[in-house]
Amino acid sequence: MASKNISREKIISAFLFCAFDKNVGGTSLQDIAAYLGIKKASLYNHFAGREEMYKATLEYCRDYCEKLTFIPENFMKLDLFQKKSLSEVFNTLIKRYIQIYETEPVFQIFTFVHSEKYFNSSAAEIAERELQKLEYGVSQILLIYCNDKKAGLSPIELAAAVKWYSSAIFCQIDNYIMKKKEIVRQNPECGVGSLFALPTDDEALEKIYFLSDQYLTALLK
């Protein structure tokens, strides 16, 4: 029987999938080996042990998350700011952002990082970096509206508004993804992977839009 071509990245991916299904602490090397269809001993050809694999997985998550942004690269070049209200612009971006986190492997990465951020400083730093990128995107949008006299915020008020709004939206996204994770886990007959193709929960999105509108209304009074 030919041996399988197993790389460090495939092992990390398997760790993420197993941790998604069982949780990080409950995932053993045997679980990962079984997922890959290899012997447990084969994992030691790539990692000294579970701790090294865990650290490598967090590094992989950090590097992958660095590619993600709240605002797409070409967003500032579009005419959205002239055609849409501030609320509509944020709702467009929120939906895009959530849909990014609903796809593989970002779904698994998000749940891995956010379940570990209370136990591991590296995971907490990754989550904090994601919040900082969200804050940057929010600040760029609010600044445009302030410069166009569509929002009257002083520099101090703008900084506070960015922090408050970003934290609130980040919390809502966190709740949305974690709830969707449970939907996937509670439907094992569909298998991990197939349910990631489920459409975005529009009802849940509408609730986030409503809260976003309330935040913005309060901020811009």
C-alpha atoms as a PDB file:
ATOM      1  CA  MET A   1       0.000   0.000   0.000  1.00  0.00           C
ATOM      2  CA  ALA A   2       1.482   3.345  -1.022  1.00  0.00           C
ATOM      3  CA  SER A   3       2.104   5.824   1.775  1.00  0.00           C
ATOM      4  CA  LYS A   4       0.086   9.014   1.755  1.00  0.00           C
ATOM      5  CA  ASN A   5       1.742  12.300   0.934  1.00  0.00           C
ATOM      6  CA  ILE A   6       1.198  14.180   4.196  1.00  0.00           C
ATOM      7  CA  SER A   7       2.601  17.668   4.675  1.00  0.00           C
ATOM      8  CA  ARG A   8       2.721  19.946   7.728  1.00  0.00           C
ATOM      9  CA  GLU A   9      -0.014  22.085   6.187  1.00  0.00           C
ATOM     10  CA  LYS A  10      -2.299  19.076   5.699  1.00  0.00           C
ATOM     11  CA  ILE A  11      -1.768  18.111   9.328  1.00  0.00           C
ATOM     12  CA  ILE A  12      -2.562  21.652  10.460  1.00  0.00           C
ATOM     13  CA  SER A  13      -5.697  21.632   8.323  1.00  0.00           C
ATOM     14  CA  ALA A  14      -6.711  18.321   9.881  1.00  0.00           C
ATOM     15  CA  PHE A  15      -6.127  19.776  13.365  1.00  0.00           C
ATOM     16  CA  LEU A  16      -8.415  22.699  12.504  1.00  0.00           C
ATOM     17  CA  PHE A  17     -11.157  20.411  11.179  1.00  0.00           C
ATOM     18  CA  CYS A  18     -10.972  18.050  14.173  1.00  0.00           C
ATOM     19  CA  ALA A  19     -10.906  20.942  16.635  1.00  0.00           C
ATOM     20  CA  PHE A  20     -13.945  22.437  14.920  1.00  0.00           C
ATOM     21  CA  ASP A  21     -15.835  19.202  15.446  1.00  0.00           C
ATOM     22  CA  LYS A  22     -14.646  18.282  18.948  1.00  0.00           C
ATOM     23  CA  ASN A  23     -13.071  21.515  20.345  1.00  0.00           C
ATOM     24  CA  VAL A  24      -9.338  22.182  20.628  1.00  0.00           C
ATOM     25  CA  GLY A  25      -8.708  20.622  24.017  1.00  0.00           C
ATOM     26  CA  GLY A  26     -10.590  17.465  23.116  1.00  0.00           C
ATOM     27  CA  THR A  27      -8.658  16.867  19.892  1.00  0.00           C
ATOM     28  CA  SER A  28      -5.934  14.234  20.194  1.00  0.00           C
ATOM     29  CA  LEU A  29      -3.139  13.216  17.863  1.00  0.00           C
ATOM     30  CA  GLN A  30      -5.063   9.998  17.266  1.00  0.00           C
ATOM     31  CA  ASP A  31      -8.070  12.034  16.084  1.00  0.00           C
ATOM     32  CA  ILE A  32      -5.872  13.936  13.640  1.00  0.00           C
ATOM     33  CA  ALA A  33      -4.205  10.769  12.354  1.00  0.00           C
ATOM     34  CA  ALA A  34      -7.589   9.092  11.887  1.00  0.00           C
ATOM     35  CA  TYR A  35      -8.880  12.103   9.967  1.00  0.00           C
ATOM     36  CA  LEU A  36      -5.881  11.901   7.650  1.00  0.00           C
ATOM     37  CA  GLY A  37      -6.053   8.122   7.360  1.00  0.00           C
ATOM     38  CA  ILE A  38      -2.507   7.608   8.638  1.00  0.00           C
ATOM     39  CA  LYS A  39      -0.843   6.094  11.674  1.00  0.00           C
ATOM     40  CA  LYS A  40      -0.366   8.345  14.686  1.00  0.00           C
ATOM     41  CA  ALA A  41       3.385   7.728  14.570  1.00  0.00           C
ATOM     42  CA  SER A  42       3.539   9.344  11.116  1.00  0.00           C
ATOM     43  CA  LEU A  43       2.676  12.715  12.668  1.00  0.00           C
ATOM     44  CA  TYR A  44       6.025  12.719  14.466  1.00  0.00           C
ATOM     45  CA  ASN A  45       7.775  12.935  11.119  1.00  0.00           C
ATOM     46  CA  HIS A  46       6.510  16.524  10.981  1.00  0.00           C
ATOM     47  CA  PHE A  47       5.971  17.604  14.590  1.00  0.00           C
ATOM     48  CA  ALA A  48       7.721  16.731  17.835  1.00  0.00           C
ATOM     49  CA  GLY A  49       4.369  16.534  19.575  1.00  0.00           C
ATOM     50  CA  ARG A  50       0.952  18.069  20.025  1.00  0.00           C
ATOM     51  CA  GLU A  51       2.280  21.279  21.560  1.00  0.00           C
ATOM     52  CA  GLU A  52       4.469  22.018  18.549  1.00  0.00           C
ATOM     53  CA  MET A  53       1.538  21.253  16.249  1.00  0.00           C
ATOM     54  CA  TYR A  54      -0.695  23.563  18.277  1.00  0.00           C
ATOM     55  CA  LYS A  55       1.802  26.433  18.013  1.00  0.00           C
ATOM     56  CA  ALA A  56       2.252  25.848  14.284  1.00  0.00           C
ATOM     57  CA  THR A  57      -1.526  25.909  13.843  1.00  0.00           C
ATOM     58  CA  LEU A  58      -1.781  29.258  15.605  1.00  0.00           C
ATOM     59  CA  GLU A  59       1.003  30.614  13.372  1.00  0.00           C
ATOM     60  CA  TYR A  60      -0.895  29.365  10.329  1.00  0.00           C
ATOM     61  CA  CYS A  61      -4.068  31.055  11.612  1.00  0.00           C
ATOM     62  CA  ARG A  62      -2.182  34.311  12.210  1.00  0.00           C
ATOM     63  CA  ASP A  63      -0.670  34.334   8.714  1.00  0.00           C
ATOM     64  CA  TYR A  64      -3.990  33.480   7.065  1.00  0.00           C
ATOM     65  CA  CYS A  65      -5.907  36.127   8.989  1.00  0.00           C
ATOM     66  CA  GLU A  66      -3.422  38.788   7.925  1.00  0.00           C
ATOM     67  CA  LYS A  67      -4.827  38.439   4.394  1.00  0.00           C
ATOM     68  CA  LEU A  68      -8.357  39.305   5.519  1.00  0.00           C
ATOM     69  CA  THR A  69      -9.629  42.878   5.479  1.00  0.00           C
ATOM     70  CA  PHE A  70     -12.896  44.574   6.372  1.00  0.00           C
ATOM     71  CA  ILE A  71     -12.653  46.819   3.324  1.00  0.00           C
ATOM     72  CA  PRO A  72     -11.761  45.241  -0.058  1.00  0.00           C
ATOM     73  CA  GLU A  73      -8.804  46.762  -1.881  1.00  0.00           C
ATOM     74  CA  ASN A  74     -10.872  48.444  -4.591  1.00  0.00           C
ATOM     75  CA  PHE A  75     -13.619  49.629  -2.254  1.00  0.00           C
ATOM     76  CA  MET A  76     -12.424  53.222  -1.953  1.00  0.00           C
ATOM     77  CA  LYS A  77     -12.416  53.524  -5.747  1.00  0.00           C
ATOM     78  CA  LEU A  78     -16.101  52.660  -6.041  1.00  0.00           C
ATOM     79  CA  ASP A  79     -18.971  55.161  -6.051  1.00  0.00           C
ATOM     80  CA  LEU A  80     -20.667  53.612  -3.033  1.00  0.00           C
ATOM     81  CA  PHE A  81     -20.115  56.658  -0.853  1.00  0.00           C
ATOM     82  CA  GLN A  82     -22.094  58.820  -3.253  1.00  0.00           C
ATOM     83  CA  LYS A  83     -24.839  56.317  -3.970  1.00  0.00           C
ATOM     84  CA  LYS A  84     -25.437  54.823  -0.506  1.00  0.00           C
ATOM     85  CA  SER A  85     -26.068  56.043   3.000  1.00  0.00           C
ATOM     86  CA  LEU A  86     -23.557  55.389   5.754  1.00  0.00           C
ATOM     87  CA  SER A  87     -25.813  52.642   7.096  1.00  0.00           C
ATOM     88  CA  GLU A  88     -26.032  50.951   3.687  1.00  0.00           C
ATOM     89  CA  VAL A  89     -22.258  51.082   3.227  1.00  0.00           C
ATOM     90  CA  PHE A  90     -21.630  49.429   6.577  1.00  0.00           C
ATOM     91  CA  ASN A  91     -24.301  46.791   5.959  1.00  0.00           C
ATOM     92  CA  THR A  92     -22.677  45.933   2.631  1.00  0.00           C
ATOM     93  CA  LEU A  93     -19.302  45.525   4.306  1.00  0.00           C
ATOM     94  CA  ILE A  94     -20.677  43.579   7.271  1.00  0.00           C
ATOM     95  CA  LYS A  95     -22.336  41.043   4.963  1.00  0.00           C
ATOM     96  CA  ARG A  96     -19.138  40.650   2.929  1.00  0.00           C
ATOM     97  CA  TYR A  97     -17.073  40.245   6.104  1.00  0.00           C
ATOM     98  CA  ILE A  98     -19.381  37.595   7.553  1.00  0.00           C
ATOM     99  CA  GLN A  99     -19.449  35.680   4.281  1.00  0.00           C
ATOM    100  CA  ILE A 100     -15.638  35.567   4.305  1.00  0.00           C
ATOM    101  CA  TYR A 101     -15.730  33.932   7.736  1.00  0.00           C
ATOM    102  CA  GLU A 102     -18.352  31.419   6.624  1.00  0.00           C
ATOM    103  CA  THR A 103     -16.034  29.834   4.052  1.00  0.00           C
ATOM    104  CA  GLU A 104     -13.366  27.174   4.546  1.00  0.00           C
ATOM    105  CA  PRO A 105     -10.796  27.342   6.035  1.00  0.00           C
ATOM    106  CA  VAL A 106     -11.616  30.742   7.578  1.00  0.00           C
ATOM    107  CA  PHE A 107     -14.609  29.281   9.411  1.00  0.00           C
ATOM    108  CA  GLN A 108     -12.390  26.757  11.186  1.00  0.00           C
ATOM    109  CA  ILE A 109      -9.652  29.329  11.772  1.00  0.00           C
ATOM    110  CA  PHE A 110     -12.069  31.814  13.324  1.00  0.00           C
ATOM    111  CA  THR A 111     -13.580  29.280  15.717  1.00  0.00           C
ATOM    112  CA  PHE A 112     -10.129  27.895  16.603  1.00  0.00           C
ATOM    113  CA  VAL A 113      -8.717  31.324  17.432  1.00  0.00           C
ATOM    114  CA  HIS A 114     -11.762  32.627  19.260  1.00  0.00           C
ATOM    115  CA  SER A 115     -12.169  29.513  21.370  1.00  0.00           C
ATOM    116  CA  GLU A 116      -8.498  29.691  22.368  1.00  0.00           C
ATOM    117  CA  LYS A 117      -8.122  33.447  22.914  1.00  0.00           C
ATOM    118  CA  TYR A 118      -9.078  33.058  26.581  1.00  0.00           C
ATOM    119  CA  PHE A 119      -6.377  30.456  27.166  1.00  0.00           C
ATOM    120  CA  ASN A 120      -3.501  31.418  24.890  1.00  0.00           C
ATOM    121  CA  SER A 121      -1.870  34.831  24.456  1.00  0.00           C
ATOM    122  CA  SER A 122      -0.981  34.173  20.804  1.00  0.00           C
ATOM    123  CA  ALA A 123      -4.625  33.410  19.996  1.00  0.00           C
ATOM    124  CA  ALA A 124      -5.666  36.549  21.888  1.00  0.00           C
ATOM    125  CA  GLU A 125      -3.198  38.592  19.812  1.00  0.00           C
ATOM    126  CA  ILE A 126      -4.650  37.223  16.558  1.00  0.00           C
ATOM    127  CA  ALA A 127      -8.179  38.137  17.660  1.00  0.00           C
ATOM    128  CA  GLU A 128      -6.994  41.580  18.751  1.00  0.00           C
ATOM    129  CA  ARG A 129      -5.302  42.124  15.404  1.00  0.00           C
ATOM    130  CA  GLU A 130      -8.563  41.300  13.635  1.00  0.00           C
ATOM    131  CA  LEU A 131     -10.362  43.861  15.769  1.00  0.00           C
ATOM    132  CA  GLN A 132      -7.681  46.447  14.962  1.00  0.00           C
ATOM    133  CA  LYS A 133      -8.145  45.867  11.226  1.00  0.00           C
ATOM    134  CA  LEU A 134     -11.889  46.273  11.649  1.00  0.00           C
ATOM    135  CA  GLU A 135     -11.273  49.511  13.556  1.00  0.00           C
ATOM    136  CA  TYR A 136      -9.046  50.778  10.777  1.00  0.00           C
ATOM    137  CA  GLY A 137     -11.696  50.044   8.142  1.00  0.00           C
ATOM    138  CA  VAL A 138     -14.431  51.695  10.191  1.00  0.00           C
ATOM    139  CA  SER A 139     -12.254  54.758  10.791  1.00  0.00           C
ATOM    140  CA  GLN A 140     -11.589  55.166   7.060  1.00  0.00           C
ATOM    141  CA  ILE A 141     -15.297  55.147   6.263  1.00  0.00           C
ATOM    142  CA  LEU A 142     -16.325  57.497   9.076  1.00  0.00           C
ATOM    143  CA  LEU A 143     -13.493  59.850   8.163  1.00  0.00           C
ATOM    144  CA  ILE A 144     -14.776  60.110   4.588  1.00  0.00           C
ATOM    145  CA  TYR A 145     -18.258  60.991   5.835  1.00  0.00           C
ATOM    146  CA  CYS A 146     -16.841  63.520   8.288  1.00  0.00           C
ATOM    147  CA  ASN A 147     -14.738  65.159   5.571  1.00  0.00           C
ATOM    148  CA  ASP A 148     -17.806  65.336   3.327  1.00  0.00           C
ATOM    149  CA  LYS A 149     -19.731  66.999   6.187  1.00  0.00           C
ATOM    150  CA  LYS A 150     -22.154  64.057   6.262  1.00  0.00           C
ATOM    151  CA  ALA A 151     -21.146  63.254   9.842  1.00  0.00           C
ATOM    152  CA  GLY A 152     -20.132  65.790  12.456  1.00  0.00           C
ATOM    153  CA  LEU A 153     -17.540  64.208  14.715  1.00  0.00           C
ATOM    154  CA  SER A 154     -14.514  65.844  16.262  1.00  0.00           C
ATOM    155  CA  PRO A 155     -11.221  63.865  16.138  1.00  0.00           C
ATOM    156  CA  ILE A 156     -11.742  62.744  19.754  1.00  0.00           C
ATOM    157  CA  GLU A 157     -15.353  61.763  19.084  1.00  0.00           C
ATOM    158  CA  LEU A 158     -14.327  59.947  15.911  1.00  0.00           C
ATOM    159  CA  ALA A 159     -11.706  57.875  17.758  1.00  0.00           C
ATOM    160  CA  ALA A 160     -14.230  56.924  20.444  1.00  0.00           C
ATOM    161  CA  ALA A 161     -16.910  56.148  17.845  1.00  0.00           C
ATOM    162  CA  VAL A 162     -14.558  53.841  15.946  1.00  0.00           C
ATOM    163  CA  LYS A 163     -13.682  51.904  19.116  1.00  0.00           C
ATOM    164  CA  TRP A 164     -17.279  51.575  20.249  1.00  0.00           C
ATOM    165  CA  TYR A 165     -18.818  50.667  16.909  1.00  0.00           C
ATOM    166  CA  SER A 166     -16.038  48.234  15.923  1.00  0.00           C
ATOM    167  CA  SER A 167     -16.196  46.376  19.239  1.00  0.00           C
ATOM    168  CA  ALA A 168     -19.976  46.080  18.998  1.00  0.00           C
ATOM    169  CA  ILE A 169     -19.917  44.772  15.419  1.00  0.00           C
ATOM    170  CA  PHE A 170     -17.011  42.412  16.147  1.00  0.00           C
ATOM    171  CA  CYS A 171     -19.024  40.936  19.006  1.00  0.00           C
ATOM    172  CA  GLN A 172     -22.040  40.463  16.730  1.00  0.00           C
ATOM    173  CA  ILE A 173     -19.933  38.726  14.078  1.00  0.00           C
ATOM    174  CA  ASP A 174     -18.406  36.496  16.747  1.00  0.00           C
ATOM    175  CA  ASN A 175     -21.883  35.485  17.954  1.00  0.00           C
ATOM    176  CA  TYR A 176     -23.082  34.839  14.396  1.00  0.00           C
ATOM    177  CA  ILE A 177     -20.153  32.574  13.500  1.00  0.00           C
ATOM    178  CA  MET A 178     -20.251  30.652  16.781  1.00  0.00           C
ATOM    179  CA  LYS A 179     -23.985  29.990  16.384  1.00  0.00           C
ATOM    180  CA  LYS A 180     -23.458  28.797  12.832  1.00  0.00           C
ATOM    181  CA  LYS A 181     -20.713  26.496  14.084  1.00  0.00           C
ATOM    182  CA  GLU A 182     -23.263  24.792  16.313  1.00  0.00           C
ATOM    183  CA  ILE A 183     -25.606  24.352  13.346  1.00  0.00           C
ATOM    184  CA  VAL A 184     -22.818  22.515  11.526  1.00  0.00           C
ATOM    185  CA  ARG A 185     -21.857  20.412  14.523  1.00  0.00           C
ATOM    186  CA  GLN A 186     -25.463  19.418  15.225  1.00  0.00           C
ATOM    187  CA  ASN A 187     -25.891  18.067  11.694  1.00  0.00           C
ATOM    188  CA  PRO A 188     -23.200  15.347  11.512  1.00  0.00           C
ATOM    189  CA  GLU A 189     -25.097  13.457   8.817  1.00  0.00           C
ATOM    190  CA  CYS A 190     -24.160  16.251   6.413  1.00  0.00           C
ATOM    191  CA  GLY A 191     -20.494  16.014   7.333  1.00  0.00           C
ATOM    192  CA  VAL A 192     -18.047  18.777   8.086  1.00  0.00           C
ATOM    193  CA  GLY A 193     -17.570  20.756   4.924  1.00  0.00           C
ATOM    194  CA  SER A 194     -20.939  20.344   3.241  1.00  0.00           C
ATOM    195  CA  LEU A 195     -22.758  22.759   5.523  1.00  0.00           C
ATOM    196  CA  PHE A 196     -20.213  25.468   4.907  1.00  0.00           C
ATOM    197  CA  ALA A 197     -22.021  25.912   1.619  1.00  0.00           C
ATOM    198  CA  LEU A 198     -25.198  26.927   3.454  1.00  0.00           C
ATOM    199  CA  PRO A 199     -26.416  30.396   2.513  1.00  0.00           C
ATOM    200  CA  THR A 200     -25.843  33.272   4.875  1.00  0.00           C
ATOM    201  CA  ASP A 201     -28.544  33.504   7.543  1.00  0.00           C
ATOM    202  CA  ASP A 202     -30.440  36.565   6.302  1.00  0.00           C
ATOM    203  CA  GLU A 203     -32.627  36.758   9.407  1.00  0.00           C
ATOM    204  CA  ALA A 204     -29.569  36.890  11.662  1.00  0.00           C
ATOM    205  CA  LEU A 205     -27.982  39.427   9.322  1.00  0.00           C
ATOM    206  CA  GLU A 206     -31.022  41.681   9.539  1.00  0.00           C
ATOM    207  CA  LYS A 207     -30.662  41.718  13.318  1.00  0.00           C
ATOM    208  CA  ILE A 208     -27.028  42.759  12.964  1.00  0.00           C
ATOM    209  CA  TYR A 209     -28.019  45.450  10.465  1.00  0.00           C
ATOM    210  CA  PHE A 210     -30.619  46.743  12.920  1.00  0.00           C
ATOM    211  CA  LEU A 211     -28.068  46.931  15.723  1.00  0.00           C
ATOM    212  CA  SER A 212     -25.555  48.566  13.400  1.00  0.00           C
ATOM    213  CA  ASP A 213     -28.140  51.211  12.488  1.00  0.00           C
ATOM    214  CA  GLN A 214     -28.831  51.831  16.173  1.00  0.00           C
ATOM    215  CA  TYR A 215     -25.112  52.201  16.927  1.00  0.00           C
ATOM    216  CA  LEU A 216     -24.623  54.625  14.054  1.00  0.00           C
ATOM    217  CA  THR A 217     -27.675  56.672  14.995  1.00  0.00           C
ATOM    218  CA  ALA A 218     -26.398  56.990  18.565  1.00  0.00           C
ATOM    219  CA  LEU A 219     -22.881  57.830  17.426  1.00  0.00           C
ATOM    220  CA  LEU A 220     -23.873  60.483  14.923  1.00  0.00           C
ATOM    221  CA  LYS A 221     -26.517  62.369  16.921  1.00  0.00           C
END
